[in-house]
C-alpha atoms as a PDB file:
ATOM      1  CA  MET A   1       4.005   4.590  20.892  1.00  0.00           C
ATOM      2  CA  ARG A   2       1.662   5.549  18.836  1.00  0.00           C
ATOM      3  CA  ILE A   3      -0.746   2.952  16.278  1.00  0.00           C
ATOM      4  CA  GLY A   4      -2.066   3.898  12.802  1.00  0.00           C
ATOM      5  CA  GLN A   5      -3.948   2.209  10.471  1.00  0.00           C
ATOM      6  CA  GLY A   6      -5.286   2.201   6.600  1.00  0.00           C
ATOM      7  CA  ILE A   7      -7.333   1.316   3.977  1.00  0.00           C
ATOM      8  CA  ASP A   8      -7.045   1.299  -0.455  1.00  0.00           C
ATOM      9  CA  VAL A   9      -9.452  -0.175  -2.840  1.00  0.00           C
ATOM     10  CA  HIS A  10      -8.466   0.079  -6.552  1.00  0.00           C
ATOM     11  CA  ARG A  11     -10.528  -1.315  -9.064  1.00  0.00           C
ATOM     12  CA  PHE A  12      -8.868  -2.849 -12.265  1.00  0.00           C
ATOM     13  CA  SER A  13      -8.406  -1.388 -14.971  1.00  0.00           C
ATOM     14  CA  ASP A  14      -9.519  -1.456 -18.490  1.00  0.00           C
ATOM     15  CA  ASP A  15      -6.682  -0.482 -19.658  1.00  0.00           C
ATOM     16  CA  THR A  16      -5.021  -3.532 -20.784  1.00  0.00           C
ATOM     17  CA  SER A  17      -1.261  -1.674 -20.737  1.00  0.00           C
ATOM     18  CA  ARG A  18      -1.890  -0.965 -16.655  1.00  0.00           C
ATOM     19  CA  GLU A  19       1.157  -2.586 -14.300  1.00  0.00           C
ATOM     20  CA  LEU A  20      -0.329  -4.682 -11.358  1.00  0.00           C
ATOM     21  CA  TRP A  21       2.221  -3.464  -8.429  1.00  0.00           C
ATOM     22  CA  LEU A  22       1.302  -4.531  -4.860  1.00  0.00           C
ATOM     23  CA  GLY A  23       3.438  -4.360  -1.774  1.00  0.00           C
ATOM     24  CA  LEU A  24       6.412  -2.624  -3.974  1.00  0.00           C
ATOM     25  CA  VAL A  25       6.563  -6.067  -6.400  1.00  0.00           C
ATOM     26  CA  HIS A  26       5.577  -5.861  -9.475  1.00  0.00           C
ATOM     27  CA  LEU A  27       3.265  -8.486 -10.754  1.00  0.00           C
ATOM     28  CA  GLU A  28       4.049  -9.719 -14.695  1.00  0.00           C
ATOM     29  CA  GLY A  29       1.371 -10.838 -16.984  1.00  0.00           C
ATOM     30  CA  GLU A  30      -1.216  -9.313 -14.645  1.00  0.00           C
ATOM     31  CA  THR A  31      -4.761  -7.287 -14.768  1.00  0.00           C
ATOM     32  CA  GLY A  32      -2.937  -3.724 -13.372  1.00  0.00           C
ATOM     33  CA  LEU A  33      -5.712  -1.599 -11.437  1.00  0.00           C
ATOM     34  CA  ALA A  34      -6.566   1.593 -11.902  1.00  0.00           C
ATOM     35  CA  GLY A  35      -5.210   4.612 -10.728  1.00  0.00           C
ATOM     36  CA  HIS A  36      -3.656   8.314 -10.667  1.00  0.00           C
ATOM     37  CA  SER A  37      -1.095   6.536  -9.603  1.00  0.00           C
ATOM     38  CA  ASP A  38       0.886   3.330 -10.108  1.00  0.00           C
ATOM     39  CA  ALA A  39      -2.478   1.984  -7.817  1.00  0.00           C
ATOM     40  CA  ASP A  40      -0.336  -0.106  -5.864  1.00  0.00           C
ATOM     41  CA  VAL A  41      -3.215  -1.201  -2.390  1.00  0.00           C
ATOM     42  CA  ALA A  42      -1.105  -2.752  -0.455  1.00  0.00           C
ATOM     43  CA  THR A  43       2.155   0.117  -0.484  1.00  0.00           C
ATOM     44  CA  HIS A  44      -0.978   2.648  -0.012  1.00  0.00           C
ATOM     45  CA  ALA A  45      -3.487   1.302   2.747  1.00  0.00           C
ATOM     46  CA  LEU A  46       0.856   1.115   4.940  1.00  0.00           C
ATOM     47  CA  ILE A  47       1.460   5.027   4.040  1.00  0.00           C
ATOM     48  CA  ASP A  48      -1.920   5.701   4.903  1.00  0.00           C
ATOM     49  CA  ALA A  49      -1.347   3.788   8.564  1.00  0.00           C
ATOM     50  CA  LEU A  50       2.036   5.734   8.689  1.00  0.00           C
ATOM     51  CA  LEU A  51       0.638   9.087   8.338  1.00  0.00           C
ATOM     52  CA  GLY A  52      -2.288   8.318  10.395  1.00  0.00           C
ATOM     53  CA  ALA A  53      -0.023   6.621  13.303  1.00  0.00           C
ATOM     54  CA  ALA A  54       2.164   9.920  13.241  1.00  0.00           C
ATOM     55  CA  ASN A  55      -0.707  12.194  13.189  1.00  0.00           C
ATOM     56  CA  LEU A  56       0.005  13.417   9.678  1.00  0.00           C
ATOM     57  CA  GLY A  57      -3.314  13.192   7.440  1.00  0.00           C
ATOM     58  CA  ASP A  58      -3.261  10.557   5.424  1.00  0.00           C
ATOM     59  CA  ILE A  59      -2.337   9.625   1.120  1.00  0.00           C
ATOM     60  CA  GLY A  60      -5.023  12.077  -0.387  1.00  0.00           C
ATOM     61  CA  ARG A  61      -3.715  15.261   1.013  1.00  0.00           C
ATOM     62  CA  LEU A  62      -0.268  14.495   0.242  1.00  0.00           C
ATOM     63  CA  PHE A  63      -0.831  12.938  -3.212  1.00  0.00           C
ATOM     64  CA  PRO A  64      -4.029  14.567  -4.529  1.00  0.00           C
ATOM     65  CA  ASN A  65      -4.922  12.254  -7.199  1.00  0.00           C
ATOM     66  CA  ASP A  66      -5.780  15.443  -9.002  1.00  0.00           C
ATOM     67  CA  ASP A  67      -2.465  16.973  -9.324  1.00  0.00           C
ATOM     68  CA  PRO A  68      -0.576  15.957 -12.762  1.00  0.00           C
ATOM     69  CA  GLN A  69       2.951  15.928 -10.771  1.00  0.00           C
ATOM     70  CA  PHE A  70       1.321  12.374  -9.158  1.00  0.00           C
ATOM     71  CA  LEU A  71       0.424  10.917 -12.415  1.00  0.00           C
ATOM     72  CA  GLY A  72       1.463   7.889 -12.462  1.00  0.00           C
ATOM     73  CA  VAL A  73       3.408   8.107  -9.800  1.00  0.00           C
ATOM     74  CA  ALA A  74       5.600   5.130  -8.558  1.00  0.00           C
ATOM     75  CA  SER A  75       4.574   4.067  -4.574  1.00  0.00           C
ATOM     76  CA  ARG A  76       7.372   3.421  -4.117  1.00  0.00           C
ATOM     77  CA  THR A  77       8.679   7.556  -4.490  1.00  0.00           C
ATOM     78  CA  MET A  78       5.328   7.858  -1.986  1.00  0.00           C
ATOM     79  CA  LEU A  79       6.574   5.506   0.715  1.00  0.00           C
ATOM     80  CA  MET A  80      10.333   6.662   1.026  1.00  0.00           C
ATOM     81  CA  GLU A  81       8.477  11.074   0.944  1.00  0.00           C
ATOM     82  CA  VAL A  82       6.613   9.558   3.620  1.00  0.00           C
ATOM     83  CA  LEU A  83       8.450   7.941   6.154  1.00  0.00           C
ATOM     84  CA  ARG A  84      11.262  11.054   4.798  1.00  0.00           C
ATOM     85  CA  ARG A  85       8.109  13.414   6.826  1.00  0.00           C
ATOM     86  CA  LEU A  86       8.120  11.007   9.701  1.00  0.00           C
ATOM     87  CA  ASN A  87      11.803  10.722  10.561  1.00  0.00           C
ATOM     88  CA  ASP A  88      11.786  14.967  10.706  1.00  0.00           C
ATOM     89  CA  GLU A  89       9.128  14.701  12.815  1.00  0.00           C
ATOM     90  CA  ARG A  90      10.746  11.678  15.068  1.00  0.00           C
ATOM     91  CA  TRP A  91       9.171   9.073  14.069  1.00  0.00           C
ATOM     92  CA  ARG A  92      10.357   6.059  13.145  1.00  0.00           C
ATOM     93  CA  PRO A  93       8.141   2.448  12.810  1.00  0.00           C
ATOM     94  CA  VAL A  94       8.565  -0.606  14.667  1.00  0.00           C
ATOM     95  CA  SER A  95       6.497  -3.354  13.322  1.00  0.00           C
ATOM     96  CA  VAL A  96       3.619  -2.927  10.328  1.00  0.00           C
ATOM     97  CA  ASP A  97       0.954  -5.887   8.686  1.00  0.00           C
ATOM     98  CA  VAL A  98      -0.695  -5.340   5.592  1.00  0.00           C
ATOM     99  CA  THR A  99      -3.848  -7.873   4.352  1.00  0.00           C
ATOM    100  CA  ILE A 100      -4.543  -7.733   0.913  1.00  0.00           C
ATOM    101  CA  ILE A 101      -8.033  -9.106   0.371  1.00  0.00           C
ATOM    102  CA  ALA A 102      -8.476 -10.388  -4.309  1.00  0.00           C
ATOM    103  CA  GLU A 103      -9.818 -12.906  -5.671  1.00  0.00           C
ATOM    104  CA  ARG A 104      -6.825 -12.580  -8.184  1.00  0.00           C
ATOM    105  CA  PRO A 105      -4.234 -13.144  -8.966  1.00  0.00           C
ATOM    106  CA  LYS A 106      -3.522 -15.530  -5.872  1.00  0.00           C
ATOM    107  CA  LEU A 107      -0.272 -14.184  -4.287  1.00  0.00           C
ATOM    108  CA  ALA A 108       0.823 -16.492  -2.748  1.00  0.00           C
ATOM    109  CA  THR A 109       4.274 -17.256  -4.500  1.00  0.00           C
ATOM    110  CA  TYR A 110       4.784 -12.959  -3.732  1.00  0.00           C
ATOM    111  CA  MET A 111       4.009 -12.165  -0.577  1.00  0.00           C
ATOM    112  CA  ALA A 112       7.502 -12.977   0.739  1.00  0.00           C
ATOM    113  CA  THR A 113       8.542 -10.954  -1.880  1.00  0.00           C
ATOM    114  CA  MET A 114       6.604  -7.833  -0.981  1.00  0.00           C
ATOM    115  CA  SER A 115       7.123  -8.304   2.643  1.00  0.00           C
ATOM    116  CA  GLN A 116      11.263  -8.280   2.015  1.00  0.00           C
ATOM    117  CA  GLU A 117      10.070  -5.074  -0.598  1.00  0.00           C
ATOM    118  CA  LEU A 118       8.358  -3.064   1.545  1.00  0.00           C
ATOM    119  CA  SER A 119      10.817  -4.310   4.776  1.00  0.00           C
ATOM    120  CA  ALA A 120      13.623  -2.744   3.489  1.00  0.00           C
ATOM    121  CA  VAL A 121      12.312   0.648   2.565  1.00  0.00           C
ATOM    122  CA  VAL A 122      10.145   0.763   5.934  1.00  0.00           C
ATOM    123  CA  GLY A 123      13.027  -0.067   8.136  1.00  0.00           C
ATOM    124  CA  CYS A 124      10.955  -3.299  10.810  1.00  0.00           C
ATOM    125  CA  VAL A 125       8.988  -5.973   9.672  1.00  0.00           C
ATOM    126  CA  VAL A 126       6.367  -5.255   7.268  1.00  0.00           C
ATOM    127  CA  SER A 127       4.375  -8.640   7.290  1.00  0.00           C
ATOM    128  CA  VAL A 128       2.291  -9.498   4.421  1.00  0.00           C
ATOM    129  CA  LYS A 129      -1.260 -11.424   4.332  1.00  0.00           C
ATOM    130  CA  ALA A 130      -4.067 -12.152   1.860  1.00  0.00           C
ATOM    131  CA  THR A 131      -6.904 -13.654   1.949  1.00  0.00           C
ATOM    132  CA  THR A 132     -10.016 -13.428   0.067  1.00  0.00           C
ATOM    133  CA  ALA A 133     -13.813 -11.798  -0.385  1.00  0.00           C
ATOM    134  CA  GLU A 134     -15.265 -15.420  -0.517  1.00  0.00           C
ATOM    135  CA  GLY A 135     -16.950 -14.106  -3.333  1.00  0.00           C
ATOM    136  CA  LEU A 136     -19.158 -11.724  -1.722  1.00  0.00           C
ATOM    137  CA  GLY A 137     -19.697  -8.094  -2.565  1.00  0.00           C
ATOM    138  CA  ALA A 138     -17.290  -6.653  -5.390  1.00  0.00           C
ATOM    139  CA  LEU A 139     -14.072  -7.499  -4.115  1.00  0.00           C
ATOM    140  CA  GLY A 140     -15.749 -11.473  -4.650  1.00  0.00           C
ATOM    141  CA  ARG A 141     -16.947 -10.151  -7.713  1.00  0.00           C
ATOM    142  CA  ALA A 142     -13.076  -9.591  -9.033  1.00  0.00           C
ATOM    143  CA  GLU A 143     -13.595  -6.255 -10.015  1.00  0.00           C
ATOM    144  CA  GLY A 144     -10.597  -4.729  -7.771  1.00  0.00           C
ATOM    145  CA  ILE A 145      -8.174  -5.402  -5.148  1.00  0.00           C
ATOM    146  CA  CYS A 146      -8.409  -4.065  -0.948  1.00  0.00           C
ATOM    147  CA  ALA A 147      -5.319  -3.631   1.259  1.00  0.00           C
ATOM    148  CA  THR A 148      -5.594  -2.362   4.734  1.00  0.00           C
ATOM    149  CA  ALA A 149      -2.413  -2.351   7.216  1.00  0.00           C
ATOM    150  CA  ILE A 150      -1.563  -1.426  10.440  1.00  0.00           C
ATOM    151  CA  ALA A 151       1.579   0.374  12.035  1.00  0.00           C
ATOM    152  CA  LEU A 152       3.286   0.851  14.866  1.00  0.00           C
ATOM    153  CA  LEU A 153       5.764   3.775  15.038  1.00  0.00           C
ATOM    154  CA  GLU A 154       7.851   4.792  18.120  1.00  0.00           C
ATOM    155  CA  GLU A 155       9.378   8.742  18.934  1.00  0.00           C
ATOM    156  CA  LEU A 156      12.667   8.929  18.431  1.00  0.00           C
ATOM    157  CA  PRO A 157      14.775  10.348  21.192  1.00  0.00           C
END
């Protein structure tokens, strides 16, 4: 078994047409995050945790933010590619835990859906929690959203 951790941070976009995606869930009517892809920080942190546990690099190496083919790419697509690579290397996720750090929007009503969506794609339970930065720093001033993740993988026979 191996364990990996991931973290991702994106600032809120100045582009009012950007959609907010967190944990593979679209949060209707909320300000989106700036990024080359859909900027889903929760899924990006999860991807880095999976890649780290399997010693397969990180999200930036796999999906460079200066590569036009990844412009606007959905994090679901990125996650499915990472899971394919894990399978090729004979690794399977056993447990994943994600924490989202955000002053806004309020996430309580979305967390169960995020957990369901992520769990369905990953193939194991993905716990999703949220907290705030208690008004401290850039996250506390609601300049963006951060997420962390821990993933446990087991080697396939």
